Amino acid sequence: MIARTITVHASMHGTGEARATISAGDILAQGNHWLRVTRKHRCGEGLPIQSNRPAFRILVSICFLFVVTFAAGQTSPSTAGKSVQSATAPLANTPSPGVSNYVGAETCKTCHEEIYNAWEKTPHWKTTLNTKGGPSKQGCEGCHGPGADHVAGGGDKTKIFVFEGKSRQETSARCLSCHGEAHEQSHFAQSAHSSSDVGCLDCHSPHHAKEKEFLLAQGQPQLCYGCHTSAKADFAKPYHHRVNEGLVQCVDCHNPHGTGTVRQLRSLPSGDFVCYKCHVDKQGPFVYEHVPVKTEGCSSCHSPHGSTNPRLLNVSLVNLLCLQCHTFSSQLTAGGPIGPAHNQSAKYQACTMCHTQIHGSNFSSVFFK
């Protein structure tokens, strides 16, 4: 006996499934229609009709069922495609396990509002707009790491990176993970500060900076004076570069994050000393160079921070300064700088009264003009 309803499944080229529900009455009605058409045709030819056999009715019904199944297989691919897309959509929208560990800076604000309000006024706030780096480079979690476990633990500090109590190497490594590739900080690992166990947070304060541009914990030069007490004494001398007056800063000459030169001094793109950034008339090149200027640098004659002598000279008398290199006998100095042509005991004028172009000259080998 034929069932009241028959459900037909047809595979849609492996991409979906079409479903057709056909009642037994529909199949029988269609079968009877075919029988009437067949009887009329066969009667016209004088052939016998055997339509009263149940087997024939079942055979006709099976044939019709096959036709319906084939038709269901031609269901529009777009319908199947939509079903596939709806099945795969949740997988595409599901975040990766690493991303789901980040909660965003606004979540941090709910507990740390005071710190957040100070932090959003600093350059670090711009990290919240960093769409290329992803959540690991954005906001609070860019420094402190993913905060989902910290939040779930009710503020458990062991579930997040807390700078307090960490070594300077650990905290500096966190900062350098973003800033380490910048030109200014690229030599920090080889710098005098790093080798002296000075870390980023000794000079910088990301949350409570007193100097906003570089997030300094204290303004210059007082920040530098905290360690460099001898430099503080030099700048208090009668003749000094005007650092205390605010016209020159320590970082104009030094890179606190390290350089390839001694004393973390900056240099010009040409490779010359940083002094020439201001004293351009002394740079040259000259036809007749004063050798110590190019080999030993400005500090062979001058004290750059401050001095008790005019022109920041290392000694009070210019003649004594020159005689440190220029002796009376060129033989005794193995071909070194020649000595003065006149008796210094009888001449008390400064050497630079005649040798005016002592830093270099284009006209005189003895720097007269």
Protein backbone atom coordinates (compact mmCIF):
# COMPACT_ATOMS: atom_id res chain seq x y z
CA MET A 1 0.00 0.00 0.00
CA ILE A 2 1.35 3.41 -0.97
CA ALA A 3 2.05 5.75 1.95
CA ARG A 4 0.03 8.93 2.36
CA THR A 5 3.06 11.18 1.94
CA ILE A 6 6.41 10.60 0.33
CA THR A 7 9.43 12.82 1.01
CA VAL A 8 12.00 13.03 -1.76
CA HIS A 9 15.60 14.16 -1.17
CA ALA A 10 17.77 15.29 -4.06
CA SER A 11 21.42 16.20 -3.70
CA MET A 12 22.30 19.56 -5.18
CA HIS A 13 25.71 18.84 -6.63
CA GLY A 14 27.10 18.37 -3.14
CA THR A 15 26.25 21.93 -2.11
CA GLY A 16 22.88 21.61 -0.45
CA GLU A 17 19.70 19.61 -0.13
CA ALA A 18 16.29 20.11 -1.73
CA ARG A 19 13.17 18.64 -0.11
CA ALA A 20 9.84 17.83 -1.88
CA THR A 21 6.76 16.49 -0.14
CA ILE A 22 4.22 14.69 -2.39
CA SER A 23 0.94 13.21 -1.23
CA ALA A 24 -0.14 9.75 -2.34
CA GLY A 25 -3.37 11.19 -3.68
CA ASP A 26 -1.42 13.45 -6.06
CA ILE A 27 0.55 10.48 -7.36
CA LEU A 28 -2.61 8.38 -7.92
CA ALA A 29 -4.43 11.25 -9.61
CA GLN A 30 -1.54 11.77 -12.00
CA GLY A 31 -1.37 8.02 -12.61
CA ASN A 32 -5.08 7.89 -13.50
CA HIS A 33 -4.57 10.74 -15.93
CA TRP A 34 -1.83 8.80 -17.67
CA LEU A 35 -4.09 5.70 -17.77
CA ARG A 36 -6.86 7.64 -19.49
CA VAL A 37 -4.46 8.99 -22.08
CA THR A 38 -2.99 5.52 -22.64
CA ARG A 39 -6.48 3.87 -22.87
CA LYS A 40 -7.62 6.36 -25.47
CA HIS A 41 -4.48 5.84 -27.52
CA ARG A 42 -4.61 2.06 -27.35
CA CYS A 43 -8.34 1.94 -28.12
CA GLY A 44 -7.67 3.88 -31.29
CA GLU A 45 -5.30 1.11 -32.37
CA GLY A 46 -7.57 -1.74 -31.32
CA LEU A 47 -5.20 -2.99 -28.66
CA PRO A 48 -6.33 -4.62 -25.45
CA ILE A 49 -6.30 -2.57 -22.29
CA GLN A 50 -5.20 -3.98 -18.98
CA SER A 51 -5.72 -1.03 -16.76
CA ASN A 52 -7.40 -2.87 -13.98
CA ARG A 53 -4.29 -4.48 -12.71
CA PRO A 54 -2.85 -2.99 -9.48
CA ALA A 55 0.71 -3.66 -10.65
CA PHE A 56 0.27 -1.38 -13.61
CA ARG A 57 -0.98 1.44 -11.39
CA ILE A 58 2.04 1.02 -9.09
CA LEU A 59 4.40 1.06 -12.07
CA VAL A 60 2.90 4.31 -13.34
CA SER A 61 3.19 5.82 -9.85
CA ILE A 62 6.87 4.86 -9.60
CA CYS A 63 7.57 6.44 -12.98
CA PHE A 64 5.91 9.68 -11.85
CA LEU A 65 7.88 9.60 -8.61
CA PHE A 66 11.10 9.39 -10.61
CA VAL A 67 10.06 12.43 -12.66
CA VAL A 68 9.36 14.42 -9.47
CA THR A 69 12.70 13.41 -7.99
CA PHE A 70 14.55 14.58 -11.09
CA ALA A 71 12.65 17.88 -11.07
CA ALA A 72 13.56 18.44 -7.41
CA GLY A 73 17.21 17.96 -8.35
CA GLN A 74 17.00 20.99 -10.64
CA THR A 75 16.17 23.34 -7.73
CA SER A 76 17.84 26.77 -8.11
CA PRO A 77 21.50 26.66 -6.97
CA SER A 78 21.11 30.08 -5.38
CA THR A 79 18.76 28.59 -2.76
CA ALA A 80 21.26 25.89 -1.93
CA GLY A 81 24.07 28.41 -1.93
CA LYS A 82 22.23 30.53 0.60
CA SER A 83 21.79 27.55 2.87
CA VAL A 84 25.49 26.80 2.62
CA GLN A 85 26.38 30.41 3.36
CA SER A 86 24.08 30.49 6.36
CA ALA A 87 25.69 27.31 7.64
CA THR A 88 29.22 28.65 7.23
CA ALA A 89 28.54 32.23 8.35
CA PRO A 90 28.88 31.51 12.07
CA LEU A 91 32.33 30.02 11.42
CA ALA A 92 33.49 33.12 9.53
CA ASN A 93 32.26 35.47 12.26
CA THR A 94 33.75 33.48 15.10
CA PRO A 95 36.84 35.37 16.43
CA SER A 96 40.13 33.56 16.77
CA PRO A 97 41.08 32.44 20.28
CA GLY A 98 43.87 35.04 20.50
CA VAL A 99 41.64 37.98 19.59
CA SER A 100 38.94 36.94 22.05
CA ASN A 101 41.38 37.49 24.94
CA TYR A 102 41.33 41.26 24.38
CA VAL A 103 38.59 43.40 25.92
CA GLY A 104 39.48 46.92 24.75
CA ALA A 105 40.51 50.10 26.54
CA GLU A 106 36.93 51.10 27.37
CA THR A 107 36.61 48.02 29.56
CA CYS A 108 39.76 49.04 31.43
CA LYS A 109 38.24 52.47 32.03
CA THR A 110 35.43 51.04 34.14
CA CYS A 111 37.89 50.33 36.98
CA HIS A 112 40.89 52.55 36.14
CA GLU A 113 39.08 55.74 35.16
CA GLU A 114 41.61 58.15 36.68
CA ILE A 115 44.53 56.51 34.91
CA TYR A 116 42.55 56.27 31.68
CA ASN A 117 41.66 59.97 31.74
CA ALA A 118 45.33 60.90 32.09
CA TRP A 119 46.41 58.35 29.49
CA GLU A 120 43.97 59.50 26.80
CA LYS A 121 45.72 62.89 26.74
CA THR A 122 49.05 61.29 25.76
CA PRO A 123 50.35 60.21 22.33
CA HIS A 124 49.78 56.58 23.34
CA TRP A 125 46.02 57.13 22.98
CA LYS A 126 46.52 57.09 19.22
CA THR A 127 47.18 53.37 19.43
CA THR A 128 43.43 52.83 19.76
CA LEU A 129 43.19 53.88 16.11
CA ASN A 130 45.75 51.32 14.99
CA THR A 131 43.77 48.92 12.83
CA LYS A 132 46.78 47.29 11.18
CA GLY A 133 48.44 45.99 14.33
CA GLY A 134 45.25 44.49 15.76
CA PRO A 135 44.16 44.37 19.43
CA SER A 136 47.65 43.45 20.63
CA LYS A 137 48.88 46.90 19.59
CA GLN A 138 45.90 48.94 20.75
CA GLY A 139 45.20 50.87 23.95
CA CYS A 140 46.01 49.60 27.42
CA GLU A 141 46.45 46.03 26.24
CA GLY A 142 49.18 47.12 23.84
CA CYS A 143 51.46 47.44 26.89
CA HIS A 144 49.81 45.29 29.54
CA GLY A 145 48.77 42.35 27.36
CA PRO A 146 45.33 40.75 26.89
CA GLY A 147 42.95 41.61 29.72
CA ALA A 148 40.11 39.07 29.42
CA ASP A 149 41.51 36.80 32.16
CA HIS A 150 42.30 39.86 34.30
CA VAL A 151 38.68 41.01 34.06
CA ALA A 152 37.27 37.53 34.58
CA GLY A 153 39.43 37.17 37.69
CA GLY A 154 37.99 40.30 39.26
CA GLY A 155 41.13 42.36 38.68
CA ASP A 156 43.67 39.61 39.39
CA LYS A 157 47.05 41.27 38.70
CA THR A 158 48.72 37.94 38.04
CA LYS A 159 46.59 37.60 34.89
CA ILE A 160 48.09 40.67 33.22
CA PHE A 161 51.50 42.31 32.81
CA VAL A 162 52.07 44.83 35.61
CA PHE A 163 55.16 47.01 35.23
CA GLU A 164 55.52 47.60 38.95
CA GLY A 165 57.96 45.15 40.46
CA LYS A 166 59.40 44.01 37.12
CA SER A 167 63.08 44.37 36.28
CA ARG A 168 64.28 47.19 34.05
CA GLN A 169 65.17 44.69 31.36
CA GLU A 170 61.59 43.38 31.29
CA THR A 171 59.91 46.78 31.25
CA SER A 172 62.28 48.17 28.64
CA ALA A 173 61.69 45.13 26.45
CA ARG A 174 57.96 45.91 26.53
CA CYS A 175 58.57 49.47 25.36
CA LEU A 176 61.06 48.44 22.71
CA SER A 177 58.61 45.94 21.22
CA CYS A 178 57.01 49.00 19.60
CA HIS A 179 59.71 51.68 19.78
CA GLY A 180 62.78 49.52 19.20
CA GLU A 181 62.74 49.87 15.43
CA ALA A 182 62.64 53.68 15.48
CA HIS A 183 65.80 55.57 14.56
CA GLU A 184 66.12 57.24 17.96
CA GLN A 185 65.87 54.02 19.99
CA SER A 186 67.64 51.56 17.68
CA HIS A 187 70.91 51.66 19.68
CA PHE A 188 69.40 51.45 23.16
CA ALA A 189 70.70 47.93 23.87
CA GLN A 190 74.27 49.18 23.30
CA SER A 191 73.81 52.51 25.05
CA ALA A 192 75.54 53.70 28.22
CA HIS A 193 72.15 53.99 29.91
CA SER A 194 71.27 50.36 29.23
CA SER A 195 74.66 49.09 30.40
CA SER A 196 74.21 51.14 33.59
CA ASP A 197 70.84 49.48 34.29
CA VAL A 198 68.79 52.53 33.39
CA GLY A 199 65.39 51.59 31.97
CA CYS A 200 62.71 53.42 30.02
CA LEU A 201 60.56 54.07 33.09
CA ASP A 202 63.42 55.83 34.89
CA CYS A 203 62.94 58.75 32.51
CA HIS A 204 59.45 58.24 31.03
CA SER A 205 56.02 58.05 32.67
CA PRO A 206 53.29 56.77 30.31
CA HIS A 207 50.45 57.66 32.70
CA HIS A 208 51.61 60.76 34.63
CA ALA A 209 54.13 62.51 32.40
CA LYS A 210 55.28 66.00 33.33
CA GLU A 211 56.49 66.67 29.79
CA LYS A 212 53.83 65.61 27.30
CA GLU A 213 55.77 65.38 24.05
CA PHE A 214 58.14 62.61 25.13
CA LEU A 215 56.22 61.50 28.24
CA LEU A 216 59.13 62.50 30.49
CA ALA A 217 58.78 61.96 34.21
CA GLN A 218 60.37 65.38 34.73
CA GLY A 219 61.29 68.25 32.46
CA GLN A 220 64.76 68.84 31.09
CA PRO A 221 67.41 69.55 32.29
CA GLN A 222 66.38 68.61 35.83
CA LEU A 223 65.65 65.05 34.73
CA CYS A 224 69.21 64.64 33.45
CA TYR A 225 70.69 66.39 36.48
CA GLY A 226 69.23 63.66 38.69
CA CYS A 227 72.12 61.41 37.60
CA HIS A 228 74.58 63.71 35.81
CA THR A 229 75.55 65.94 38.72
CA SER A 230 78.92 66.91 37.21
CA ALA A 231 77.16 68.31 34.14
CA LYS A 232 74.89 70.30 36.44
CA ALA A 233 77.98 71.87 38.04
CA ASP A 234 79.47 72.68 34.60
CA PHE A 235 76.34 74.50 33.49
CA ALA A 236 76.54 76.63 36.61
CA LYS A 237 79.98 78.00 35.60
CA PRO A 238 80.34 81.58 34.29
CA TYR A 239 80.73 80.49 30.66
CA HIS A 240 78.35 77.77 29.59
CA HIS A 241 75.90 76.70 26.96
CA ARG A 242 72.55 78.15 27.91
CA VAL A 243 70.83 74.96 28.99
CA ASN A 244 69.52 76.29 32.29
CA GLU A 245 68.06 79.25 30.44
CA GLY A 246 66.06 76.89 28.22
CA LEU A 247 67.71 77.91 24.94
CA VAL A 248 69.50 74.57 24.53
CA GLN A 249 68.46 71.11 25.71
CA CYS A 250 70.55 68.10 26.57
CA VAL A 251 68.95 66.05 23.78
CA ASP A 252 70.06 68.63 21.20
CA CYS A 253 73.57 67.21 21.53
CA HIS A 254 73.02 63.81 23.12
CA ASN A 255 70.75 60.91 22.25
CA PRO A 256 69.84 59.32 25.60
CA HIS A 257 68.83 56.10 23.81
CA GLY A 258 72.32 55.57 22.47
CA THR A 259 74.39 56.28 19.36
CA GLY A 260 77.38 54.77 17.62
CA THR A 261 79.68 57.46 19.05
CA VAL A 262 81.15 58.14 22.49
CA ARG A 263 79.12 59.94 25.17
CA GLN A 264 75.97 59.21 23.15
CA LEU A 265 76.67 62.28 21.04
CA ARG A 266 74.62 62.99 18.00
CA SER A 267 76.30 63.57 14.67
CA LEU A 268 75.28 65.33 11.50
CA PRO A 269 74.29 63.32 8.41
CA SER A 270 77.72 64.20 7.00
CA GLY A 271 79.34 62.42 9.95
CA ASP A 272 80.71 65.63 11.44
CA PHE A 273 80.35 66.61 15.08
CA VAL A 274 77.04 67.89 16.34
CA CYS A 275 78.68 71.23 17.26
CA TYR A 276 78.49 72.25 13.62
CA LYS A 277 74.70 72.22 13.79
CA CYS A 278 75.00 75.64 15.43
CA HIS A 279 78.61 76.66 14.68
CA VAL A 280 78.37 76.22 10.93
CA ASP A 281 81.17 78.69 10.16
CA LYS A 282 83.66 76.33 11.79
CA GLN A 283 82.72 73.28 9.76
CA GLY A 284 84.62 73.82 6.53
CA PRO A 285 85.91 72.12 4.51
CA PHE A 286 88.98 74.31 4.32
CA VAL A 287 92.02 74.27 2.07
CA TYR A 288 94.19 74.29 5.20
CA GLU A 289 92.61 72.28 7.97
CA HIS A 290 93.57 72.51 11.61
CA VAL A 291 94.16 68.82 12.16
CA PRO A 292 92.92 68.46 15.79
CA VAL A 293 89.55 69.88 14.76
CA LYS A 294 88.98 66.91 12.45
CA THR A 295 90.74 64.20 14.44
CA GLU A 296 90.07 64.96 18.11
CA GLY A 297 87.05 67.19 17.80
CA CYS A 298 86.00 70.41 19.41
CA SER A 299 86.53 69.09 22.93
CA SER A 300 90.30 69.02 22.40
CA CYS A 301 90.22 72.75 23.10
CA HIS A 302 86.74 73.47 24.51
CA SER A 303 84.64 72.28 27.45
CA PRO A 304 81.19 71.92 25.85
CA HIS A 305 79.10 72.10 29.03
CA GLY A 306 80.73 75.02 30.75
CA SER A 307 84.05 76.53 31.78
CA THR A 308 85.55 79.25 33.94
CA ASN A 309 87.41 80.48 30.86
CA PRO A 310 86.07 82.59 27.99
CA ARG A 311 85.01 80.73 24.83
CA LEU A 312 84.65 77.57 26.95
CA LEU A 313 88.40 76.94 26.67
CA ASN A 314 90.00 74.16 28.67
CA VAL A 315 92.75 76.42 30.04
CA SER A 316 92.80 80.09 30.93
CA LEU A 317 95.61 81.23 28.62
CA VAL A 318 95.34 80.65 24.88
CA ASN A 319 99.13 80.34 24.57
CA LEU A 320 99.23 77.49 27.07
CA LEU A 321 96.47 75.76 25.21
CA CYS A 322 98.39 75.97 21.92
CA LEU A 323 101.63 74.84 23.52
CA GLN A 324 100.02 71.59 24.60
CA CYS A 325 100.64 70.48 21.01
CA HIS A 326 103.03 73.04 19.47
CA THR A 327 106.48 72.69 21.02
CA PHE A 328 109.78 74.41 20.17
CA SER A 329 111.41 71.45 18.44
CA SER A 330 109.86 69.50 15.63
CA GLN A 331 112.65 66.90 15.96
CA LEU A 332 111.71 66.03 19.51
CA THR A 333 108.10 65.57 18.56
CA ALA A 334 108.90 63.22 15.66
CA GLY A 335 107.58 65.50 12.96
CA GLY A 336 104.66 66.77 14.98
CA PRO A 337 103.26 70.30 14.98
CA ILE A 338 105.97 72.92 14.67
CA GLY A 339 106.65 75.24 17.56
CA PRO A 340 106.27 79.02 17.57
CA ALA A 341 108.75 81.09 15.53
CA HIS A 342 109.22 83.61 18.31
CA ASN A 343 110.16 83.47 21.96
CA GLN A 344 107.08 82.95 24.08
CA SER A 345 108.82 84.42 27.14
CA ALA A 346 109.01 87.77 25.39
CA LYS A 347 105.66 87.68 23.66
CA TYR A 348 102.60 87.62 25.82
CA GLN A 349 99.89 88.22 23.26
CA ALA A 350 97.51 85.36 22.58
CA CYS A 351 98.34 83.20 19.60
CA THR A 352 94.95 83.92 18.08
CA MET A 353 95.81 87.61 17.78
CA CYS A 354 97.70 86.67 14.63
CA HIS A 355 96.41 83.18 13.87
CA THR A 356 92.83 84.37 13.67
CA GLN A 357 91.44 81.53 11.56
CA ILE A 358 92.54 78.82 13.95
CA HIS A 359 89.71 76.43 12.98
CA GLY A 360 90.81 76.39 9.33
CA SER A 361 91.71 78.70 6.48
CA ASN A 362 91.39 78.82 2.72
CA PHE A 363 94.32 81.23 2.25
CA SER A 364 97.03 80.70 4.88
CA SER A 365 98.75 77.53 5.99
CA VAL A 366 99.44 79.12 9.38
CA PHE A 367 95.86 80.38 9.71
CA PHE A 368 96.67 84.08 9.46
CA LYS A 369 93.57 84.81 7.45
